[in-house]
Amino acid sequence: MRALICVDIQNDFCPGGSLEVREGDQVIPVANKLMEHFDLVVATQDWHPANHKSFAAMHPWRYPGDVIDLNGLQQILWPIHCVQGSFGAEFAPGLNADAFEKVFVKGTDTEIDSYSGFFDNGHRKATGLGDYLKEKGVEEVYILGLALDVCVKFTVLDALGLGFKTYLVEDGCRGVNLNEGDSDKALSEMREKGAIIAQSDQIITS
């Protein structure tokens, strides 16, 4: 059994969003095309309270991109994004969200960020995604979405840690690249940890 995991394909990460990922909307047709080839499709959704402490606006004299200590963890500060119930938190237009069997929200605790679709950044709480996939008998996961060098990367690494055979759909991702080369470094790290880097056309024809 294999599953497709669509990570955070939301308005705020697409062009014009508050945390815009360059060409972020170009992952949508790749996701839609692949959904037709999977029996199980799930999604993650960034779902922050308005006062989330990963937001630079919550810290006087701090700016997006600054790094602070937040409850014992290094935290990059971000623009306000994907606030619960906001337009920015909605799935992007054109994405076939009706195909999602289940949506797993993350980043709901004001005190800790959650990049991965499986756990918060301190691995203190699980979202339920791992248990759900195992209950469904899933052994292989295919992961795409936004952003390659942040939430996608950590979702991939946690999937590997949980024992899933893990594929990254490279053409179904785009990166933030806060620092030049972040996406390339993320790809190298995922590959080194055991992820299989694939293109959507390879998956469809395999």
C-alpha atoms as a PDB file:
ATOM      1  CA  MET A   1       0.000   0.000   0.000  1.00  0.00           C
ATOM      2  CA  ARG A   2       1.359   3.426  -0.918  1.00  0.00           C
ATOM      3  CA  ALA A   3       0.190   6.949  -0.127  1.00  0.00           C
ATOM      4  CA  LEU A   4       0.675  10.402  -1.612  1.00  0.00           C
ATOM      5  CA  ILE A   5       1.298  13.151   0.964  1.00  0.00           C
ATOM      6  CA  CYS A   6       0.666  16.720  -0.225  1.00  0.00           C
ATOM      7  CA  VAL A   7       2.463  19.137   2.092  1.00  0.00           C
ATOM      8  CA  ASP A   8       1.076  22.636   2.757  1.00  0.00           C
ATOM      9  CA  ILE A   9      -0.127  23.613  -0.725  1.00  0.00           C
ATOM     10  CA  GLN A  10      -1.769  26.741   0.676  1.00  0.00           C
ATOM     11  CA  ASN A  11      -2.398  30.291  -0.509  1.00  0.00           C
ATOM     12  CA  ASP A  12       0.190  31.920   1.729  1.00  0.00           C
ATOM     13  CA  PHE A  13       2.961  29.789   0.198  1.00  0.00           C
ATOM     14  CA  CYS A  14       1.908  30.534  -3.395  1.00  0.00           C
ATOM     15  CA  PRO A  15       2.653  33.684  -5.430  1.00  0.00           C
ATOM     16  CA  GLY A  16       1.069  36.689  -3.727  1.00  0.00           C
ATOM     17  CA  GLY A  17       0.954  34.962  -0.335  1.00  0.00           C
ATOM     18  CA  SER A  18       2.519  36.335   2.825  1.00  0.00           C
ATOM     19  CA  LEU A  19       5.284  33.684   2.777  1.00  0.00           C
ATOM     20  CA  GLU A  20       5.507  33.332  -0.975  1.00  0.00           C
ATOM     21  CA  VAL A  21       7.504  30.442  -2.376  1.00  0.00           C
ATOM     22  CA  ARG A  22       8.727  31.276  -5.854  1.00  0.00           C
ATOM     23  CA  GLU A  23       6.705  29.276  -8.410  1.00  0.00           C
ATOM     24  CA  GLY A  24       4.852  27.609  -5.544  1.00  0.00           C
ATOM     25  CA  ASP A  25       1.689  27.338  -7.621  1.00  0.00           C
ATOM     26  CA  GLN A  26       3.526  25.168 -10.161  1.00  0.00           C
ATOM     27  CA  VAL A  27       3.334  22.182  -7.810  1.00  0.00           C
ATOM     28  CA  ILE A  28      -0.476  22.107  -8.155  1.00  0.00           C
ATOM     29  CA  PRO A  29      -0.728  20.416 -11.572  1.00  0.00           C
ATOM     30  CA  VAL A  30       1.908  17.880 -10.514  1.00  0.00           C
ATOM     31  CA  ALA A  31      -0.051  17.050  -7.360  1.00  0.00           C
ATOM     32  CA  ASN A  32      -3.350  16.789  -9.244  1.00  0.00           C
ATOM     33  CA  LYS A  33      -1.835  14.522 -11.889  1.00  0.00           C
ATOM     34  CA  LEU A  34      -0.343  12.164  -9.316  1.00  0.00           C
ATOM     35  CA  MET A  35      -3.502  11.926  -7.207  1.00  0.00           C
ATOM     36  CA  GLU A  36      -5.131   9.879  -9.981  1.00  0.00           C
ATOM     37  CA  HIS A  37      -2.513   7.151  -9.471  1.00  0.00           C
ATOM     38  CA  PHE A  38      -2.879   6.655  -5.704  1.00  0.00           C
ATOM     39  CA  ASP A  39      -5.554   4.878  -3.698  1.00  0.00           C
ATOM     40  CA  LEU A  40      -4.727   7.010  -0.651  1.00  0.00           C
ATOM     41  CA  VAL A  41      -4.031  10.756  -0.783  1.00  0.00           C
ATOM     42  CA  VAL A  42      -3.602  12.846   2.365  1.00  0.00           C
ATOM     43  CA  ALA A  43      -2.538  16.419   3.022  1.00  0.00           C
ATOM     44  CA  THR A  44      -0.898  18.508   5.694  1.00  0.00           C
ATOM     45  CA  GLN A  45      -2.025  22.054   6.426  1.00  0.00           C
ATOM     46  CA  ASP A  46      -0.180  24.763   8.326  1.00  0.00           C
ATOM     47  CA  TRP A  47      -2.814  26.020  10.801  1.00  0.00           C
ATOM     48  CA  HIS A  48      -1.369  28.640  13.128  1.00  0.00           C
ATOM     49  CA  PRO A  49      -3.031  30.639  15.876  1.00  0.00           C
ATOM     50  CA  ALA A  50      -2.738  34.372  15.120  1.00  0.00           C
ATOM     51  CA  ASN A  51      -0.297  34.802  18.028  1.00  0.00           C
ATOM     52  CA  HIS A  52       2.042  31.963  17.066  1.00  0.00           C
ATOM     53  CA  LYS A  53       5.519  32.601  18.420  1.00  0.00           C
ATOM     54  CA  SER A  54       7.209  31.637  15.150  1.00  0.00           C
ATOM     55  CA  PHE A  55       5.902  34.937  13.750  1.00  0.00           C
ATOM     56  CA  ALA A  56       8.451  37.753  13.751  1.00  0.00           C
ATOM     57  CA  ALA A  57       5.636  40.182  14.574  1.00  0.00           C
ATOM     58  CA  MET A  58       5.324  38.568  18.021  1.00  0.00           C
ATOM     59  CA  HIS A  59       8.875  39.611  18.952  1.00  0.00           C
ATOM     60  CA  PRO A  60       9.762  43.327  19.271  1.00  0.00           C
ATOM     61  CA  TRP A  61      12.654  44.432  17.037  1.00  0.00           C
ATOM     62  CA  ARG A  62      12.815  41.067  15.320  1.00  0.00           C
ATOM     63  CA  TYR A  63      12.427  40.468  11.600  1.00  0.00           C
ATOM     64  CA  PRO A  64      11.577  37.516   9.348  1.00  0.00           C
ATOM     65  CA  GLY A  65      14.683  35.402   8.891  1.00  0.00           C
ATOM     66  CA  ASP A  66      16.032  36.140  12.378  1.00  0.00           C
ATOM     67  CA  VAL A  67      16.751  33.096  14.533  1.00  0.00           C
ATOM     68  CA  ILE A  68      15.791  32.964  18.219  1.00  0.00           C
ATOM     69  CA  ASP A  69      15.588  30.381  20.981  1.00  0.00           C
ATOM     70  CA  LEU A  70      11.971  29.328  21.458  1.00  0.00           C
ATOM     71  CA  ASN A  71      11.441  27.022  24.417  1.00  0.00           C
ATOM     72  CA  GLY A  72      14.821  25.390  23.954  1.00  0.00           C
ATOM     73  CA  LEU A  73      14.689  25.042  20.165  1.00  0.00           C
ATOM     74  CA  GLN A  74      16.231  27.177  17.436  1.00  0.00           C
ATOM     75  CA  GLN A  75      13.405  28.988  15.696  1.00  0.00           C
ATOM     76  CA  ILE A  76      13.520  30.877  12.404  1.00  0.00           C
ATOM     77  CA  LEU A  77      11.075  33.778  12.560  1.00  0.00           C
ATOM     78  CA  TRP A  78       8.598  33.991   9.696  1.00  0.00           C
ATOM     79  CA  PRO A  79       6.068  36.510   8.406  1.00  0.00           C
ATOM     80  CA  ILE A  80       2.546  35.955   9.732  1.00  0.00           C
ATOM     81  CA  HIS A  81       1.153  33.135   7.599  1.00  0.00           C
ATOM     82  CA  CYS A  82      -1.494  30.391   7.450  1.00  0.00           C
ATOM     83  CA  VAL A  83      -3.525  31.779  10.349  1.00  0.00           C
ATOM     84  CA  GLN A  84      -6.403  29.506  11.285  1.00  0.00           C
ATOM     85  CA  GLY A  85      -9.535  30.325   9.303  1.00  0.00           C
ATOM     86  CA  SER A  86      -7.810  32.873   7.052  1.00  0.00           C
ATOM     87  CA  PHE A  87      -7.722  32.953   3.259  1.00  0.00           C
ATOM     88  CA  GLY A  88      -3.964  32.414   3.388  1.00  0.00           C
ATOM     89  CA  ALA A  89      -4.422  29.110   5.221  1.00  0.00           C
ATOM     90  CA  GLU A  90      -6.823  27.724   2.614  1.00  0.00           C
ATOM     91  CA  PHE A  91      -5.654  25.215   0.030  1.00  0.00           C
ATOM     92  CA  ALA A  92      -4.568  26.919  -3.167  1.00  0.00           C
ATOM     93  CA  PRO A  93      -7.091  27.386  -5.996  1.00  0.00           C
ATOM     94  CA  GLY A  94      -6.982  24.613  -8.550  1.00  0.00           C
ATOM     95  CA  LEU A  95      -5.716  22.008  -6.109  1.00  0.00           C
ATOM     96  CA  ASN A  96      -7.984  18.953  -6.082  1.00  0.00           C
ATOM     97  CA  ALA A  97      -8.516  18.999  -2.329  1.00  0.00           C
ATOM     98  CA  ASP A  98     -11.598  16.783  -2.744  1.00  0.00           C
ATOM     99  CA  ALA A  99      -9.177  13.894  -3.297  1.00  0.00           C
ATOM    100  CA  PHE A 100      -7.754  14.204   0.225  1.00  0.00           C
ATOM    101  CA  GLU A 101      -8.847  11.272   2.354  1.00  0.00           C
ATOM    102  CA  LYS A 102      -7.757  13.178   5.460  1.00  0.00           C
ATOM    103  CA  VAL A 103      -6.065  16.485   6.302  1.00  0.00           C
ATOM    104  CA  PHE A 104      -3.562  16.751   9.160  1.00  0.00           C
ATOM    105  CA  VAL A 105      -3.165  20.236  10.620  1.00  0.00           C
ATOM    106  CA  LYS A 106       0.095  21.343  12.205  1.00  0.00           C
ATOM    107  CA  GLY A 107       1.574  24.364  13.943  1.00  0.00           C
ATOM    108  CA  THR A 108      -1.454  24.732  16.207  1.00  0.00           C
ATOM    109  CA  ASP A 109       0.536  25.166  19.441  1.00  0.00           C
ATOM    110  CA  THR A 110       1.650  28.784  19.912  1.00  0.00           C
ATOM    111  CA  GLU A 111       4.800  27.691  21.764  1.00  0.00           C
ATOM    112  CA  ILE A 112       6.374  25.404  19.154  1.00  0.00           C
ATOM    113  CA  ASP A 113       6.547  25.304  15.376  1.00  0.00           C
ATOM    114  CA  SER A 114       5.747  22.233  13.294  1.00  0.00           C
ATOM    115  CA  TYR A 115       7.507  21.863   9.969  1.00  0.00           C
ATOM    116  CA  SER A 116       6.972  18.124   9.592  1.00  0.00           C
ATOM    117  CA  GLY A 117       3.593  16.653   8.816  1.00  0.00           C
ATOM    118  CA  PHE A 118       4.262  13.975  11.448  1.00  0.00           C
ATOM    119  CA  PHE A 119       5.560  15.823  14.544  1.00  0.00           C
ATOM    120  CA  ASP A 120       6.246  19.255  15.971  1.00  0.00           C
ATOM    121  CA  ASN A 121       9.840  20.482  15.774  1.00  0.00           C
ATOM    122  CA  GLY A 122      10.712  19.062  19.185  1.00  0.00           C
ATOM    123  CA  HIS A 123       9.052  15.699  18.504  1.00  0.00           C
ATOM    124  CA  ARG A 124       6.947  16.366  21.605  1.00  0.00           C
ATOM    125  CA  LYS A 125       3.571  15.707  19.972  1.00  0.00           C
ATOM    126  CA  ALA A 126       2.498  13.739  16.907  1.00  0.00           C
ATOM    127  CA  THR A 127      -0.083  14.952  14.404  1.00  0.00           C
ATOM    128  CA  GLY A 128      -1.525  11.460  13.994  1.00  0.00           C
ATOM    129  CA  LEU A 129      -0.351  11.098  10.391  1.00  0.00           C
ATOM    130  CA  GLY A 130       2.118   8.306  11.127  1.00  0.00           C
ATOM    131  CA  ASP A 131      -0.403   6.184  13.031  1.00  0.00           C
ATOM    132  CA  TYR A 132      -3.042   6.815  10.383  1.00  0.00           C
ATOM    133  CA  LEU A 133      -0.797   5.606   7.555  1.00  0.00           C
ATOM    134  CA  LYS A 134       0.243   2.520   9.482  1.00  0.00           C
ATOM    135  CA  GLU A 135      -3.391   1.689  10.289  1.00  0.00           C
ATOM    136  CA  LYS A 136      -4.107   1.862   6.561  1.00  0.00           C
ATOM    137  CA  GLY A 137      -1.277  -0.580   5.850  1.00  0.00           C
ATOM    138  CA  VAL A 138       0.868   1.994   4.035  1.00  0.00           C
ATOM    139  CA  GLU A 139       4.501   1.019   3.523  1.00  0.00           C
ATOM    140  CA  GLU A 140       5.551   3.516   0.843  1.00  0.00           C
ATOM    141  CA  VAL A 141       4.973   7.280   0.897  1.00  0.00           C
ATOM    142  CA  TYR A 142       5.435   9.800  -1.906  1.00  0.00           C
ATOM    143  CA  ILE A 143       5.842  13.382  -0.711  1.00  0.00           C
ATOM    144  CA  LEU A 144       5.514  16.704  -2.547  1.00  0.00           C
ATOM    145  CA  GLY A 145       4.480  20.274  -1.794  1.00  0.00           C
ATOM    146  CA  LEU A 146       5.788  23.411  -0.113  1.00  0.00           C
ATOM    147  CA  ALA A 147       8.381  24.219   0.792  1.00  0.00           C
ATOM    148  CA  LEU A 148      11.075  21.773  -0.298  1.00  0.00           C
ATOM    149  CA  ASP A 149      13.753  23.028   2.096  1.00  0.00           C
ATOM    150  CA  VAL A 150      11.512  23.351   5.167  1.00  0.00           C
ATOM    151  CA  CYS A 151       8.244  21.467   5.682  1.00  0.00           C
ATOM    152  CA  VAL A 152       8.722  18.960   2.867  1.00  0.00           C
ATOM    153  CA  LYS A 153      12.249  18.122   4.022  1.00  0.00           C
ATOM    154  CA  PHE A 154      11.237  17.528   7.621  1.00  0.00           C
ATOM    155  CA  THR A 155       8.205  15.483   6.568  1.00  0.00           C
ATOM    156  CA  VAL A 156      10.482  13.284   4.447  1.00  0.00           C
ATOM    157  CA  LEU A 157      13.023  12.843   7.251  1.00  0.00           C
ATOM    158  CA  ASP A 158      10.318  11.883   9.755  1.00  0.00           C
ATOM    159  CA  ALA A 159       8.749   9.442   7.280  1.00  0.00           C
ATOM    160  CA  LEU A 160      12.127   7.743   6.959  1.00  0.00           C
ATOM    161  CA  GLY A 161      12.510   7.710  10.743  1.00  0.00           C
ATOM    162  CA  LEU A 162       9.142   5.980  11.071  1.00  0.00           C
ATOM    163  CA  GLY A 163      10.231   3.232   8.692  1.00  0.00           C
ATOM    164  CA  PHE A 164       8.342   4.168   5.542  1.00  0.00           C
ATOM    165  CA  LYS A 165       9.967   3.673   2.154  1.00  0.00           C
ATOM    166  CA  THR A 166      10.022   7.333   1.184  1.00  0.00           C
ATOM    167  CA  TYR A 167      10.025   9.034  -2.198  1.00  0.00           C
ATOM    168  CA  LEU A 168      10.415  12.769  -2.756  1.00  0.00           C
ATOM    169  CA  VAL A 169       8.624  13.984  -5.881  1.00  0.00           C
ATOM    170  CA  GLU A 170      11.164  16.610  -6.910  1.00  0.00           C
ATOM    171  CA  ASP A 171       9.165  18.334  -9.660  1.00  0.00           C
ATOM    172  CA  GLY A 172       6.224  18.596  -7.244  1.00  0.00           C
ATOM    173  CA  CYS A 173       8.177  20.825  -4.840  1.00  0.00           C
ATOM    174  CA  ARG A 174       9.556  24.356  -4.690  1.00  0.00           C
ATOM    175  CA  GLY A 175      11.856  25.830  -2.028  1.00  0.00           C
ATOM    176  CA  VAL A 176      11.924  28.999   0.077  1.00  0.00           C
ATOM    177  CA  ASN A 177      15.715  29.323  -0.166  1.00  0.00           C
ATOM    178  CA  LEU A 178      16.145  31.806   2.661  1.00  0.00           C
ATOM    179  CA  ASN A 179      19.820  31.208   1.994  1.00  0.00           C
ATOM    180  CA  GLU A 180      21.102  30.478  -1.486  1.00  0.00           C
ATOM    181  CA  GLY A 181      21.391  26.755  -2.098  1.00  0.00           C
ATOM    182  CA  ASP A 182      19.048  25.657   0.713  1.00  0.00           C
ATOM    183  CA  SER A 183      17.012  23.481  -1.650  1.00  0.00           C
ATOM    184  CA  ASP A 184      20.098  21.723  -3.001  1.00  0.00           C
ATOM    185  CA  LYS A 185      21.304  21.061   0.556  1.00  0.00           C
ATOM    186  CA  ALA A 186      17.871  19.710   1.495  1.00  0.00           C
ATOM    187  CA  LEU A 187      17.885  17.331  -1.467  1.00  0.00           C
ATOM    188  CA  SER A 188      21.341  16.067  -0.518  1.00  0.00           C
ATOM    189  CA  GLU A 189      20.311  15.544   3.110  1.00  0.00           C
ATOM    190  CA  MET A 190      17.153  13.651   2.186  1.00  0.00           C
ATOM    191  CA  ARG A 191      19.052  11.463  -0.265  1.00  0.00           C
ATOM    192  CA  GLU A 192      21.775  10.714   2.293  1.00  0.00           C
ATOM    193  CA  LYS A 193      19.136   9.679   4.854  1.00  0.00           C
ATOM    194  CA  GLY A 194      17.589   7.222   2.413  1.00  0.00           C
ATOM    195  CA  ALA A 195      14.912   9.084   0.470  1.00  0.00           C
ATOM    196  CA  ILE A 196      14.470   8.193  -3.192  1.00  0.00           C
ATOM    197  CA  ILE A 197      14.381  11.329  -5.352  1.00  0.00           C
ATOM    198  CA  ALA A 198      11.947  10.843  -8.233  1.00  0.00           C
ATOM    199  CA  GLN A 199      10.088  12.794 -10.914  1.00  0.00           C
ATOM    200  CA  SER A 200       6.320  12.556 -11.281  1.00  0.00           C
ATOM    201  CA  ASP A 201       6.501  10.991 -14.755  1.00  0.00           C
ATOM    202  CA  GLN A 202       8.682   8.167 -13.405  1.00  0.00           C
ATOM    203  CA  ILE A 203       6.115   7.432 -10.704  1.00  0.00           C
ATOM    204  CA  ILE A 204       3.210   7.356 -13.161  1.00  0.00           C
ATOM    205  CA  THR A 205       4.953   4.935 -15.487  1.00  0.00           C
ATOM    206  CA  SER A 206       6.395   2.672 -12.775  1.00  0.00           C
END
